[in-house]
Amino acid sequence: MPRRPRAQSAGIVHHVINRASRRITLFATDKDYLMMEQALFAARHRFGMRLLDWTIMPNHWHLILWPEYDLQLSLFMHWMTTTHTQRWHVARRSTGTGPLYQGRYKAIPVQSDDHFLTVARYVQRNPVRAHLATRVEDWRWSSAWWRCRKCHTPPPDRWPTTEPIDWKMFANQPMNQIDLGRVRDAIACGWPYGDAEWTEEMARSFALKRTFRAHGRPCIKCK
């Protein structure tokens, strides 16, 4: 049974992730990355989505989205992933060979305070952790690249919290293992990322159920 769309997502920041089916390489060339970037920007324009940060990796991507009205997130994601999938298969003449993504995207509600800054840092640092870039602003297929070059077409949207003056220096420093583990656990569980009270409120609002990681180990946010 398909999952219900997030009808009450208005005004809540979401960390959105999806990965390639069968761990295939989605983006092997600049043309592949550009195809995804174009689909992302077209969806943003079509649905008026606030796009705060993004990073496109060889076999997955991370987005930080801030919808303004209910169902905007679901409509945006459906159109973007469908459009990208169709274009990807057409480019490879592989239409009808199976799904491109491993399943429905994950959308993790994120509290708009220091928790947001932690997630933004996590997203921007993905290429650095994967040894694809030395610094966050060097990875062409990310919002960090656009922000640091003050590109105007299109710029990332303004964050819900004030960007620290020394953000670039801070983002380029390795994350501590506690913050890194908590973000990863929230992703693995599909659980909101924020303080305890806010997390429980979001879980009730979205009717989320606690889940477990591999081998039955409960996530940090699910304990």
N, C-alpha and C. Protein backbone atom coordinates (compact mmCIF):
# COMPACT_ATOMS: atom_id res chain seq x y z
N MET A 1 0.84 -1.19 0.00
CA MET A 1 0.00 0.00 0.00
C MET A 1 0.89 1.25 0.00
N PRO A 2 0.66 2.19 -0.93
CA PRO A 2 1.50 3.40 -0.97
C PRO A 2 1.29 4.25 0.25
N ARG A 3 2.37 4.95 0.64
CA ARG A 3 2.26 5.82 1.80
C ARG A 3 1.50 7.09 1.47
N ARG A 4 0.78 7.61 2.47
CA ARG A 4 0.03 8.83 2.26
C ARG A 4 0.98 10.02 2.11
N PRO A 5 0.60 11.00 1.28
CA PRO A 5 1.43 12.20 1.16
C PRO A 5 1.42 12.99 2.47
N ARG A 6 2.47 13.75 2.71
CA ARG A 6 2.55 14.55 3.93
C ARG A 6 1.69 15.78 3.76
N ALA A 7 0.47 15.70 4.30
CA ALA A 7 -0.51 16.77 4.09
C ALA A 7 -0.27 17.96 5.00
N GLN A 8 0.51 17.81 6.06
CA GLN A 8 0.68 18.88 7.04
C GLN A 8 2.14 19.35 7.10
N SER A 9 2.78 19.43 5.96
CA SER A 9 4.20 19.77 5.92
C SER A 9 4.47 21.26 5.79
N ALA A 10 3.43 22.07 5.65
CA ALA A 10 3.62 23.51 5.45
C ALA A 10 4.40 24.13 6.60
N GLY A 11 5.43 24.91 6.24
CA GLY A 11 6.20 25.64 7.23
C GLY A 11 7.24 24.83 7.96
N ILE A 12 7.39 23.57 7.63
CA ILE A 12 8.36 22.70 8.31
C ILE A 12 9.48 22.32 7.35
N VAL A 13 10.71 22.56 7.76
CA VAL A 13 11.87 22.19 6.94
C VAL A 13 11.98 20.66 6.89
N HIS A 14 12.33 20.12 5.71
CA HIS A 14 12.52 18.68 5.55
C HIS A 14 13.86 18.39 4.89
N HIS A 15 14.56 17.42 5.44
CA HIS A 15 15.77 16.86 4.83
C HIS A 15 15.32 15.66 4.00
N VAL A 16 15.47 15.76 2.69
CA VAL A 16 14.92 14.76 1.76
C VAL A 16 16.07 14.00 1.09
N ILE A 17 15.96 12.68 1.06
CA ILE A 17 17.02 11.82 0.52
C ILE A 17 16.40 10.74 -0.35
N ASN A 18 17.08 10.41 -1.44
CA ASN A 18 16.74 9.19 -2.17
C ASN A 18 18.01 8.64 -2.81
N ARG A 19 17.99 7.31 -3.03
CA ARG A 19 19.16 6.60 -3.55
C ARG A 19 18.79 5.79 -4.78
N ALA A 20 19.80 5.46 -5.55
CA ALA A 20 19.60 4.68 -6.77
C ALA A 20 19.21 3.24 -6.47
N SER A 21 18.35 2.69 -7.30
CA SER A 21 18.00 1.28 -7.18
C SER A 21 19.22 0.42 -7.51
N ARG A 22 19.38 -0.64 -6.76
CA ARG A 22 20.46 -1.62 -6.99
C ARG A 22 21.85 -0.98 -6.87
N ARG A 23 21.91 0.16 -6.22
CA ARG A 23 23.18 0.86 -6.00
C ARG A 23 23.90 1.23 -7.30
N ILE A 24 23.13 1.43 -8.36
CA ILE A 24 23.75 1.82 -9.62
C ILE A 24 24.25 3.25 -9.52
N THR A 25 25.12 3.63 -10.44
CA THR A 25 25.60 5.01 -10.50
C THR A 25 24.61 5.84 -11.29
N LEU A 26 24.01 6.79 -10.63
CA LEU A 26 23.05 7.68 -11.30
C LEU A 26 23.75 8.75 -12.12
N PHE A 27 24.86 9.24 -11.59
CA PHE A 27 25.53 10.39 -12.18
C PHE A 27 27.00 10.05 -12.41
N ALA A 28 27.33 9.77 -13.66
CA ALA A 28 28.70 9.38 -14.01
C ALA A 28 29.44 10.49 -14.75
N THR A 29 28.70 11.40 -15.36
CA THR A 29 29.30 12.48 -16.15
C THR A 29 28.67 13.81 -15.75
N ASP A 30 29.29 14.89 -16.17
CA ASP A 30 28.72 16.21 -15.91
C ASP A 30 27.32 16.33 -16.53
N LYS A 31 27.12 15.69 -17.68
CA LYS A 31 25.81 15.73 -18.32
C LYS A 31 24.74 15.09 -17.44
N ASP A 32 25.11 13.99 -16.76
CA ASP A 32 24.18 13.32 -15.85
C ASP A 32 23.81 14.24 -14.69
N TYR A 33 24.81 14.87 -14.09
CA TYR A 33 24.55 15.77 -12.97
C TYR A 33 23.70 16.97 -13.41
N LEU A 34 24.02 17.50 -14.60
CA LEU A 34 23.29 18.65 -15.10
C LEU A 34 21.82 18.30 -15.34
N MET A 35 21.55 17.09 -15.80
CA MET A 35 20.18 16.65 -16.03
C MET A 35 19.38 16.67 -14.73
N MET A 36 20.01 16.18 -13.66
CA MET A 36 19.35 16.19 -12.36
C MET A 36 19.17 17.61 -11.84
N GLU A 37 20.20 18.43 -11.99
CA GLU A 37 20.13 19.81 -11.52
C GLU A 37 19.02 20.57 -12.24
N GLN A 38 18.89 20.34 -13.53
CA GLN A 38 17.85 21.01 -14.30
C GLN A 38 16.45 20.58 -13.85
N ALA A 39 16.29 19.28 -13.56
CA ALA A 39 14.99 18.79 -13.07
C ALA A 39 14.68 19.40 -11.71
N LEU A 40 15.69 19.51 -10.86
CA LEU A 40 15.52 20.10 -9.54
C LEU A 40 15.10 21.56 -9.64
N PHE A 41 15.78 22.33 -10.46
CA PHE A 41 15.47 23.75 -10.59
C PHE A 41 14.12 23.97 -11.27
N ALA A 42 13.79 23.11 -12.23
CA ALA A 42 12.49 23.22 -12.91
C ALA A 42 11.35 22.94 -11.94
N ALA A 43 11.53 21.93 -11.08
CA ALA A 43 10.51 21.61 -10.08
C ALA A 43 10.37 22.75 -9.08
N ARG A 44 11.48 23.33 -8.71
CA ARG A 44 11.46 24.46 -7.79
C ARG A 44 10.63 25.61 -8.37
N HIS A 45 10.86 25.91 -9.64
CA HIS A 45 10.12 27.00 -10.30
C HIS A 45 8.65 26.64 -10.47
N ARG A 46 8.38 25.41 -10.83
CA ARG A 46 7.01 24.97 -11.11
C ARG A 46 6.12 25.01 -9.87
N PHE A 47 6.69 24.64 -8.71
CA PHE A 47 5.89 24.53 -7.50
C PHE A 47 6.19 25.60 -6.45
N GLY A 48 7.12 26.50 -6.78
CA GLY A 48 7.45 27.57 -5.84
C GLY A 48 8.08 27.07 -4.55
N MET A 49 8.81 25.96 -4.64
CA MET A 49 9.42 25.37 -3.45
C MET A 49 10.63 26.16 -2.98
N ARG A 50 10.73 26.37 -1.67
CA ARG A 50 11.93 26.98 -1.11
C ARG A 50 13.01 25.90 -0.99
N LEU A 51 14.06 26.07 -1.76
CA LEU A 51 15.16 25.11 -1.84
C LEU A 51 16.34 25.69 -1.07
N LEU A 52 16.60 25.17 0.12
CA LEU A 52 17.58 25.77 1.02
C LEU A 52 18.99 25.25 0.78
N ASP A 53 19.10 23.96 0.55
CA ASP A 53 20.41 23.35 0.29
C ASP A 53 20.21 22.07 -0.51
N TRP A 54 21.27 21.66 -1.20
CA TRP A 54 21.23 20.39 -1.93
C TRP A 54 22.65 19.91 -2.21
N THR A 55 22.78 18.61 -2.34
CA THR A 55 24.02 17.99 -2.78
C THR A 55 23.67 16.76 -3.61
N ILE A 56 24.20 16.71 -4.82
CA ILE A 56 23.97 15.57 -5.71
C ILE A 56 25.23 14.72 -5.71
N MET A 57 25.10 13.47 -5.34
CA MET A 57 26.21 12.53 -5.23
C MET A 57 26.10 11.48 -6.33
N PRO A 58 27.13 10.67 -6.54
CA PRO A 58 27.09 9.71 -7.66
C PRO A 58 25.89 8.77 -7.67
N ASN A 59 25.42 8.31 -6.50
CA ASN A 59 24.28 7.38 -6.51
C ASN A 59 23.13 7.79 -5.58
N HIS A 60 23.14 9.05 -5.13
CA HIS A 60 22.04 9.53 -4.31
C HIS A 60 22.10 11.05 -4.24
N TRP A 61 21.10 11.64 -3.59
CA TRP A 61 21.11 13.08 -3.40
C TRP A 61 20.42 13.46 -2.10
N HIS A 62 20.78 14.66 -1.62
CA HIS A 62 20.20 15.24 -0.42
C HIS A 62 19.63 16.62 -0.77
N LEU A 63 18.42 16.88 -0.31
CA LEU A 63 17.80 18.19 -0.47
C LEU A 63 17.33 18.68 0.89
N ILE A 64 17.37 19.98 1.10
CA ILE A 64 16.71 20.57 2.26
C ILE A 64 15.65 21.51 1.72
N LEU A 65 14.38 21.15 1.96
CA LEU A 65 13.24 21.85 1.39
C LEU A 65 12.39 22.46 2.51
N TRP A 66 11.75 23.58 2.19
CA TRP A 66 10.94 24.29 3.17
C TRP A 66 9.61 24.65 2.53
N PRO A 67 8.66 23.72 2.51
CA PRO A 67 7.38 23.98 1.83
C PRO A 67 6.56 25.05 2.54
N GLU A 68 5.80 25.77 1.75
CA GLU A 68 4.97 26.85 2.27
C GLU A 68 3.51 26.44 2.42
N TYR A 69 3.08 25.41 1.71
CA TYR A 69 1.69 24.98 1.82
C TYR A 69 1.62 23.46 1.85
N ASP A 70 0.53 22.95 2.40
CA ASP A 70 0.35 21.51 2.51
C ASP A 70 0.30 20.86 1.12
N LEU A 71 0.90 19.68 1.03
CA LEU A 71 1.01 18.87 -0.19
C LEU A 71 2.07 19.39 -1.17
N GLN A 72 2.64 20.57 -0.91
CA GLN A 72 3.67 21.10 -1.82
C GLN A 72 4.86 20.16 -1.91
N LEU A 73 5.27 19.61 -0.78
CA LEU A 73 6.42 18.71 -0.76
C LEU A 73 6.16 17.48 -1.62
N SER A 74 5.01 16.85 -1.45
CA SER A 74 4.69 15.64 -2.21
C SER A 74 4.58 15.93 -3.70
N LEU A 75 3.94 17.03 -4.07
CA LEU A 75 3.80 17.38 -5.48
C LEU A 75 5.15 17.67 -6.11
N PHE A 76 5.97 18.43 -5.39
CA PHE A 76 7.32 18.76 -5.87
C PHE A 76 8.14 17.51 -6.10
N MET A 77 8.18 16.61 -5.10
CA MET A 77 9.01 15.42 -5.19
C MET A 77 8.51 14.46 -6.27
N HIS A 78 7.21 14.30 -6.39
CA HIS A 78 6.68 13.40 -7.42
C HIS A 78 7.07 13.89 -8.81
N TRP A 79 6.88 15.18 -9.05
CA TRP A 79 7.20 15.71 -10.38
C TRP A 79 8.70 15.64 -10.66
N MET A 80 9.52 16.01 -9.69
CA MET A 80 10.96 16.03 -9.91
C MET A 80 11.51 14.63 -10.17
N THR A 81 11.16 13.65 -9.32
CA THR A 81 11.71 12.31 -9.49
C THR A 81 11.17 11.63 -10.75
N THR A 82 9.91 11.87 -11.07
CA THR A 82 9.35 11.30 -12.30
C THR A 82 10.02 11.89 -13.53
N THR A 83 10.19 13.20 -13.52
CA THR A 83 10.85 13.87 -14.65
C THR A 83 12.28 13.41 -14.81
N HIS A 84 13.02 13.35 -13.70
CA HIS A 84 14.41 12.92 -13.79
C HIS A 84 14.51 11.46 -14.26
N THR A 85 13.65 10.60 -13.73
CA THR A 85 13.67 9.19 -14.14
C THR A 85 13.41 9.05 -15.64
N GLN A 86 12.42 9.74 -16.16
CA GLN A 86 12.11 9.66 -17.58
C GLN A 86 13.27 10.14 -18.44
N ARG A 87 13.86 11.27 -18.06
CA ARG A 87 14.98 11.82 -18.84
C ARG A 87 16.19 10.91 -18.76
N TRP A 88 16.44 10.33 -17.60
CA TRP A 88 17.60 9.45 -17.41
C TRP A 88 17.47 8.22 -18.31
N HIS A 89 16.30 7.62 -18.34
CA HIS A 89 16.09 6.42 -19.17
C HIS A 89 16.13 6.76 -20.66
N VAL A 90 15.57 7.89 -21.03
CA VAL A 90 15.61 8.29 -22.45
C VAL A 90 17.05 8.48 -22.90
N ALA A 91 17.86 9.13 -22.06
CA ALA A 91 19.26 9.38 -22.41
C ALA A 91 20.04 8.09 -22.59
N ARG A 92 19.64 7.03 -21.88
CA ARG A 92 20.36 5.75 -21.97
C ARG A 92 19.61 4.70 -22.79
N ARG A 93 18.49 5.10 -23.34
CA ARG A 93 17.64 4.18 -24.12
C ARG A 93 17.32 2.94 -23.30
N SER A 94 16.96 3.17 -22.03
CA SER A 94 16.70 2.05 -21.12
C SER A 94 15.28 2.09 -20.56
N THR A 95 14.37 2.81 -21.24
CA THR A 95 13.00 2.90 -20.77
C THR A 95 12.38 1.50 -20.66
N GLY A 96 11.72 1.24 -19.53
CA GLY A 96 11.07 -0.04 -19.32
C GLY A 96 11.93 -1.09 -18.65
N THR A 97 13.13 -0.70 -18.21
CA THR A 97 14.05 -1.67 -17.60
C THR A 97 13.94 -1.73 -16.08
N GLY A 98 13.05 -0.95 -15.50
CA GLY A 98 12.89 -1.01 -14.05
C GLY A 98 13.01 0.35 -13.40
N PRO A 99 12.75 0.41 -12.10
CA PRO A 99 12.79 1.69 -11.38
C PRO A 99 14.20 2.24 -11.27
N LEU A 100 14.30 3.54 -11.27
CA LEU A 100 15.60 4.20 -11.13
C LEU A 100 15.98 4.34 -9.67
N TYR A 101 14.99 4.61 -8.81
CA TYR A 101 15.24 4.81 -7.39
C TYR A 101 14.84 3.59 -6.59
N GLN A 102 15.46 3.42 -5.43
CA GLN A 102 15.24 2.22 -4.63
C GLN A 102 13.88 2.20 -3.94
N GLY A 103 13.19 3.30 -3.94
CA GLY A 103 11.88 3.38 -3.32
C GLY A 103 11.48 4.82 -3.16
N ARG A 104 10.44 5.05 -2.35
CA ARG A 104 9.99 6.42 -2.10
C ARG A 104 11.05 7.17 -1.31
N TYR A 105 11.18 8.44 -1.61
CA TYR A 105 12.14 9.28 -0.91
C TYR A 105 11.86 9.31 0.58
N LYS A 106 12.89 9.61 1.37
CA LYS A 106 12.73 9.86 2.80
C LYS A 106 12.67 11.37 3.02
N ALA A 107 11.75 11.82 3.86
CA ALA A 107 11.62 13.23 4.19
C ALA A 107 11.64 13.38 5.70
N ILE A 108 12.72 13.91 6.23
CA ILE A 108 12.93 14.02 7.68
C ILE A 108 12.63 15.44 8.14
N PRO A 109 11.59 15.65 8.95
CA PRO A 109 11.34 16.99 9.49
C PRO A 109 12.52 17.45 10.35
N VAL A 110 12.89 18.72 10.19
CA VAL A 110 14.05 19.27 10.89
C VAL A 110 13.63 20.54 11.62
N GLN A 111 14.00 20.64 12.88
CA GLN A 111 13.69 21.83 13.68
C GLN A 111 14.51 23.01 13.19
N SER A 112 13.88 24.18 13.10
CA SER A 112 14.52 25.37 12.51
C SER A 112 15.32 26.15 13.54
N ASP A 113 16.33 25.52 14.10
CA ASP A 113 17.24 26.18 15.05
C ASP A 113 18.63 25.62 14.79
N ASP A 114 19.41 25.38 15.82
CA ASP A 114 20.74 24.82 15.61
C ASP A 114 20.69 23.43 14.98
N HIS A 115 19.58 22.72 15.14
CA HIS A 115 19.43 21.42 14.49
C HIS A 115 19.46 21.57 12.97
N PHE A 116 18.84 22.65 12.49
CA PHE A 116 18.89 22.92 11.05
C PHE A 116 20.33 23.13 10.58
N LEU A 117 21.09 23.90 11.33
CA LEU A 117 22.48 24.16 10.95
C LEU A 117 23.29 22.86 10.90
N THR A 118 23.01 21.94 11.82
CA THR A 118 23.70 20.65 11.82
C THR A 118 23.37 19.87 10.56
N VAL A 119 22.10 19.86 10.17
CA VAL A 119 21.70 19.13 8.97
C VAL A 119 22.26 19.79 7.71
N ALA A 120 22.24 21.13 7.66
CA ALA A 120 22.82 21.83 6.51
C ALA A 120 24.30 21.50 6.37
N ARG A 121 24.98 21.47 7.47
CA ARG A 121 26.41 21.13 7.47
C ARG A 121 26.61 19.69 7.01
N TYR A 122 25.76 18.79 7.49
CA TYR A 122 25.83 17.38 7.09
C TYR A 122 25.65 17.25 5.57
N VAL A 123 24.66 17.93 5.03
CA VAL A 123 24.39 17.85 3.59
C VAL A 123 25.54 18.42 2.79
N GLN A 124 26.03 19.58 3.19
CA GLN A 124 27.11 20.22 2.44
C GLN A 124 28.41 19.42 2.50
N ARG A 125 28.61 18.69 3.60
CA ARG A 125 29.87 17.96 3.77
C ARG A 125 29.87 16.57 3.11
N ASN A 126 28.78 16.15 2.52
CA ASN A 126 28.73 14.84 1.90
C ASN A 126 29.85 14.58 0.89
N PRO A 127 30.11 15.48 -0.04
CA PRO A 127 31.19 15.24 -1.00
C PRO A 127 32.57 15.18 -0.34
N VAL A 128 32.76 15.93 0.74
CA VAL A 128 34.04 15.91 1.45
C VAL A 128 34.23 14.59 2.16
N ARG A 129 33.17 14.11 2.83
CA ARG A 129 33.26 12.81 3.51
C ARG A 129 33.52 11.68 2.51
N ALA A 130 32.99 11.82 1.29
CA ALA A 130 33.16 10.79 0.26
C ALA A 130 34.44 10.97 -0.54
N HIS A 131 35.27 11.95 -0.16
CA HIS A 131 36.55 12.23 -0.82
C HIS A 131 36.36 12.62 -2.30
N LEU A 132 35.25 13.30 -2.58
CA LEU A 132 35.01 13.80 -3.93
C LEU A 132 35.44 15.26 -4.06
N ALA A 133 35.63 15.92 -2.93
CA ALA A 133 36.06 17.32 -2.91
C ALA A 133 36.85 17.57 -1.63
N THR A 134 37.71 18.56 -1.68
CA THR A 134 38.51 18.91 -0.51
C THR A 134 37.76 19.83 0.42
N ARG A 135 36.96 20.74 -0.17
CA ARG A 135 36.19 21.69 0.62
C ARG A 135 34.75 21.69 0.12
N VAL A 136 33.81 22.06 0.98
CA VAL A 136 32.40 21.97 0.60
C VAL A 136 32.09 22.81 -0.63
N GLU A 137 32.72 23.98 -0.75
CA GLU A 137 32.41 24.87 -1.87
C GLU A 137 33.01 24.42 -3.19
N ASP A 138 33.84 23.38 -3.17
CA ASP A 138 34.48 22.90 -4.39
C ASP A 138 33.61 21.92 -5.18
N TRP A 139 32.56 21.35 -4.54
CA TRP A 139 31.74 20.36 -5.22
C TRP A 139 30.70 21.09 -6.08
N ARG A 140 30.88 20.98 -7.39
CA ARG A 140 30.05 21.74 -8.34
C ARG A 140 28.56 21.47 -8.18
N TRP A 141 28.18 20.27 -7.81
CA TRP A 141 26.77 19.88 -7.81
C TRP A 141 26.15 20.01 -6.42
N SER A 142 26.28 21.19 -5.86
CA SER A 142 25.79 21.43 -4.50
C SER A 142 25.43 22.90 -4.32
N SER A 143 24.62 23.15 -3.31
CA SER A 143 24.27 24.53 -2.99
C SER A 143 25.47 25.30 -2.44
N ALA A 144 26.40 24.60 -1.79
CA ALA A 144 27.58 25.27 -1.25
C ALA A 144 28.38 25.92 -2.38
N TRP A 145 28.47 25.25 -3.51
CA TRP A 145 29.17 25.80 -4.68
C TRP A 145 28.48 27.08 -5.15
N TRP A 146 27.14 27.04 -5.23
CA TRP A 146 26.38 28.21 -5.67
C TRP A 146 26.50 29.35 -4.66
N ARG A 147 26.37 29.03 -3.38
CA ARG A 147 26.40 30.07 -2.36
C ARG A 147 27.75 30.79 -2.32
N CYS A 148 28.82 30.03 -2.38
CA CYS A 148 30.16 30.62 -2.23
C CYS A 148 30.57 31.42 -3.45
N ARG A 149 29.94 31.16 -4.59
CA ARG A 149 30.23 31.92 -5.79
C ARG A 149 29.21 33.01 -6.06
N LYS A 150 28.24 33.11 -5.13
CA LYS A 150 27.19 34.14 -5.22
C LYS A 150 26.52 34.14 -6.59
N CYS A 151 26.25 32.92 -7.08
CA CYS A 151 25.56 32.79 -8.36
C CYS A 151 24.13 33.30 -8.22
N HIS A 152 23.59 33.81 -9.31
CA HIS A 152 22.27 34.44 -9.24
C HIS A 152 21.18 33.64 -9.95
N THR A 153 21.55 32.59 -10.67
CA THR A 153 20.54 31.84 -11.42
C THR A 153 20.70 30.35 -11.21
N PRO A 154 19.96 29.75 -10.31
CA PRO A 154 19.14 30.41 -9.28
C PRO A 154 19.87 30.32 -7.95
N PRO A 155 19.76 31.28 -7.10
CA PRO A 155 20.42 31.17 -5.79
C PRO A 155 19.63 30.27 -4.87
N PRO A 156 20.28 29.62 -3.91
CA PRO A 156 19.52 28.89 -2.89
C PRO A 156 18.67 29.87 -2.10
N ASP A 157 17.56 29.40 -1.56
CA ASP A 157 16.69 30.26 -0.77
C ASP A 157 17.28 30.52 0.61
N ARG A 158 16.78 31.58 1.24
CA ARG A 158 17.27 31.99 2.55
C ARG A 158 16.88 30.98 3.62
N TRP A 159 17.78 30.72 4.53
CA TRP A 159 17.55 29.77 5.60
C TRP A 159 16.51 30.29 6.59
N PRO A 160 15.89 29.38 7.37
CA PRO A 160 14.94 29.81 8.40
C PRO A 160 15.61 30.33 9.66
N THR A 161 16.91 30.20 9.74
CA THR A 161 17.67 30.71 10.87
C THR A 161 18.86 31.49 10.33
N THR A 162 19.41 32.36 11.11
CA THR A 162 20.52 33.21 10.65
C THR A 162 21.76 32.38 10.35
N GLU A 163 22.33 32.63 9.18
CA GLU A 163 23.56 31.92 8.80
C GLU A 163 24.74 32.53 9.57
N PRO A 164 25.49 31.70 10.28
CA PRO A 164 26.65 32.22 11.02
C PRO A 164 27.64 32.93 10.09
N ILE A 165 28.26 33.97 10.58
CA ILE A 165 29.22 34.73 9.78
C ILE A 165 30.36 33.85 9.31
N ASP A 166 30.80 32.93 10.16
CA ASP A 166 31.93 32.07 9.83
C ASP A 166 31.46 30.71 9.31
N TRP A 167 30.30 30.69 8.63
CA TRP A 167 29.70 29.42 8.23
C TRP A 167 30.64 28.58 7.35
N LYS A 168 31.25 29.16 6.34
CA LYS A 168 32.07 28.38 5.41
C LYS A 168 33.22 27.70 6.15
N MET A 169 33.85 28.41 7.05
CA MET A 169 34.93 27.82 7.84
C MET A 169 34.38 26.70 8.73
N PHE A 170 33.22 26.94 9.33
CA PHE A 170 32.60 25.95 10.21
C PHE A 170 32.19 24.70 9.42
N ALA A 171 31.58 24.90 8.26
CA ALA A 171 31.12 23.78 7.44
C ALA A 171 32.28 22.91 6.97
N ASN A 172 33.43 23.50 6.82
CA ASN A 172 34.59 22.75 6.33
C ASN A 172 35.32 21.99 7.44
N GLN A 173 34.89 22.16 8.67
CA GLN A 173 35.47 21.40 9.77
C GLN A 173 34.71 20.08 9.93
N PRO A 174 35.40 18.97 10.20
CA PRO A 174 34.71 17.68 10.39
C PRO A 174 33.67 17.76 11.51
N MET A 175 32.55 17.08 11.31
CA MET A 175 31.51 17.03 12.34
C MET A 175 31.93 16.06 13.44
N ASN A 176 31.51 16.36 14.66
CA ASN A 176 31.79 15.40 15.73
C ASN A 176 30.91 14.17 15.56
N GLN A 177 31.34 13.06 16.13
CA GLN A 177 30.66 11.79 15.90
C GLN A 177 29.26 11.75 16.50
N ILE A 178 29.01 12.53 17.54
CA ILE A 178 27.68 12.54 18.14
C ILE A 178 26.67 13.17 17.17
N ASP A 179 26.98 14.35 16.64
CA ASP A 179 26.08 15.00 15.69
C ASP A 179 25.93 14.16 14.43
N LEU A 180 27.03 13.63 13.93
CA LEU A 180 26.98 12.82 12.72
C LEU A 180 26.10 11.59 12.93
N GLY A 181 26.27 10.93 14.07
CA GLY A 181 25.48 9.74 14.37
C GLY A 181 24.00 10.04 14.51
N ARG A 182 23.68 11.17 15.13
CA ARG A 182 22.27 11.51 15.33
C ARG A 182 21.57 11.84 14.02
N VAL A 183 22.26 12.54 13.13
CA VAL A 183 21.66 12.83 11.82
C VAL A 183 21.46 11.52 11.05
N ARG A 184 22.45 10.66 11.07
CA ARG A 184 22.34 9.39 10.35
C ARG A 184 21.24 8.51 10.93
N ASP A 185 21.10 8.52 12.24
CA ASP A 185 20.05 7.73 12.87
C ASP A 185 18.66 8.26 12.50
N ALA A 186 18.52 9.58 12.45
CA ALA A 186 17.24 10.16 12.04
C ALA A 186 16.89 9.74 10.62
N ILE A 187 17.90 9.71 9.74
CA ILE A 187 17.68 9.28 8.36
C ILE A 187 17.27 7.81 8.33
N ALA A 188 18.02 6.98 9.04
CA ALA A 188 17.76 5.54 9.03
C ALA A 188 16.38 5.21 9.57
N CYS A 189 15.94 5.96 10.60
CA CYS A 189 14.64 5.72 11.23
C CYS A 189 13.50 6.43 10.53
N GLY A 190 13.82 7.44 9.71
CA GLY A 190 12.77 8.29 9.18
C GLY A 190 12.12 9.10 10.29
N TRP A 191 12.93 9.52 11.25
CA TRP A 191 12.44 10.15 12.48
C TRP A 191 12.80 11.64 12.50
N PRO A 192 11.94 12.52 12.98
CA PRO A 192 12.25 13.96 13.02
C PRO A 192 13.56 14.25 13.74
N TYR A 193 14.22 15.34 13.31
CA TYR A 193 15.49 15.72 13.91
C TYR A 193 15.33 17.06 14.61
N GLY A 194 15.39 17.03 15.94
CA GLY A 194 15.24 18.24 16.73
C GLY A 194 15.36 17.89 18.20
N ASP A 195 14.95 18.80 19.07
CA ASP A 195 14.99 18.47 20.50
C ASP A 195 13.84 17.50 20.82
N ALA A 196 13.86 16.96 22.04
CA ALA A 196 12.94 15.87 22.39
C ALA A 196 11.47 16.28 22.27
N GLU A 197 11.14 17.45 22.79
CA GLU A 197 9.74 17.89 22.76
C GLU A 197 9.24 18.11 21.34
N TRP A 198 10.05 18.79 20.53
CA TRP A 198 9.68 19.08 19.15
C TRP A 198 9.57 17.78 18.35
N THR A 199 10.51 16.87 18.56
CA THR A 199 10.51 15.60 17.85
C THR A 199 9.24 14.81 18.11
N GLU A 200 8.83 14.74 19.37
CA GLU A 200 7.60 14.02 19.71
C GLU A 200 6.38 14.70 19.10
N GLU A 201 6.38 16.02 19.07
CA GLU A 201 5.27 16.75 18.47
C GLU A 201 5.16 16.46 16.98
N MET A 202 6.30 16.44 16.28
CA MET A 202 6.31 16.14 14.86
C MET A 202 5.89 14.69 14.60
N ALA A 203 6.36 13.78 15.43
CA ALA A 203 6.00 12.38 15.27
C ALA A 203 4.49 12.18 15.38
N ARG A 204 3.86 12.88 16.32
CA ARG A 204 2.41 12.80 16.47
C ARG A 204 1.71 13.44 15.28
N SER A 205 2.22 14.59 14.83
CA SER A 205 1.60 15.31 13.73
C SER A 205 1.59 14.49 12.45
N PHE A 206 2.72 13.79 12.18
CA PHE A 206 2.83 13.01 10.95
C PHE A 206 2.48 11.54 11.15
N ALA A 207 2.02 11.19 12.35
CA ALA A 207 1.65 9.80 12.66
C ALA A 207 2.80 8.84 12.34
N LEU A 208 4.00 9.22 12.77
CA LEU A 208 5.18 8.40 12.51
C LEU A 208 5.30 7.31 13.57
N LYS A 209 5.84 6.18 13.15
CA LYS A 209 6.08 5.08 14.07
C LYS A 209 7.58 4.88 14.23
N ARG A 210 7.99 4.56 15.45
CA ARG A 210 9.40 4.30 15.70
C ARG A 210 9.82 3.04 14.94
N THR A 211 11.01 3.12 14.34
CA THR A 211 11.54 1.97 13.62
C THR A 211 12.91 1.62 14.17
N PHE A 212 13.50 0.56 13.64
CA PHE A 212 14.79 0.09 14.13
C PHE A 212 15.76 -0.06 12.98
N ARG A 213 17.02 0.15 13.30
CA ARG A 213 18.06 -0.03 12.31
C ARG A 213 18.36 -1.51 12.17
N ALA A 214 19.32 -1.84 11.31
CA ALA A 214 19.69 -3.23 11.07
C ALA A 214 20.07 -3.91 12.38
N HIS A 215 19.76 -5.19 12.48
CA HIS A 215 20.06 -6.02 13.64
C HIS A 215 19.25 -5.61 14.87
N GLY A 216 18.17 -4.83 14.66
CA GLY A 216 17.28 -4.50 15.75
C GLY A 216 17.77 -3.43 16.68
N ARG A 217 18.85 -2.70 16.32
CA ARG A 217 19.35 -1.65 17.20
C ARG A 217 18.48 -0.42 17.06
N PRO A 218 17.90 0.08 18.15
CA PRO A 218 17.05 1.26 18.04
C PRO A 218 17.87 2.50 17.72
N CYS A 219 17.28 3.39 16.94
CA CYS A 219 17.94 4.65 16.63
C CYS A 219 18.02 5.51 17.89
N ILE A 220 18.97 6.43 17.89
CA ILE A 220 19.12 7.34 19.02
C ILE A 220 17.81 8.09 19.26
N LYS A 221 17.16 8.56 18.19
CA LYS A 221 15.92 9.32 18.33
C LYS A 221 14.74 8.44 18.64
N CYS A 222 14.90 7.13 18.52
CA CYS A 222 13.77 6.23 18.73
C CYS A 222 13.83 5.55 20.09
N LYS A 223 14.84 5.83 20.90
CA LYS A 223 14.96 5.18 22.21
C LYS A 223 13.99 5.80 23.20
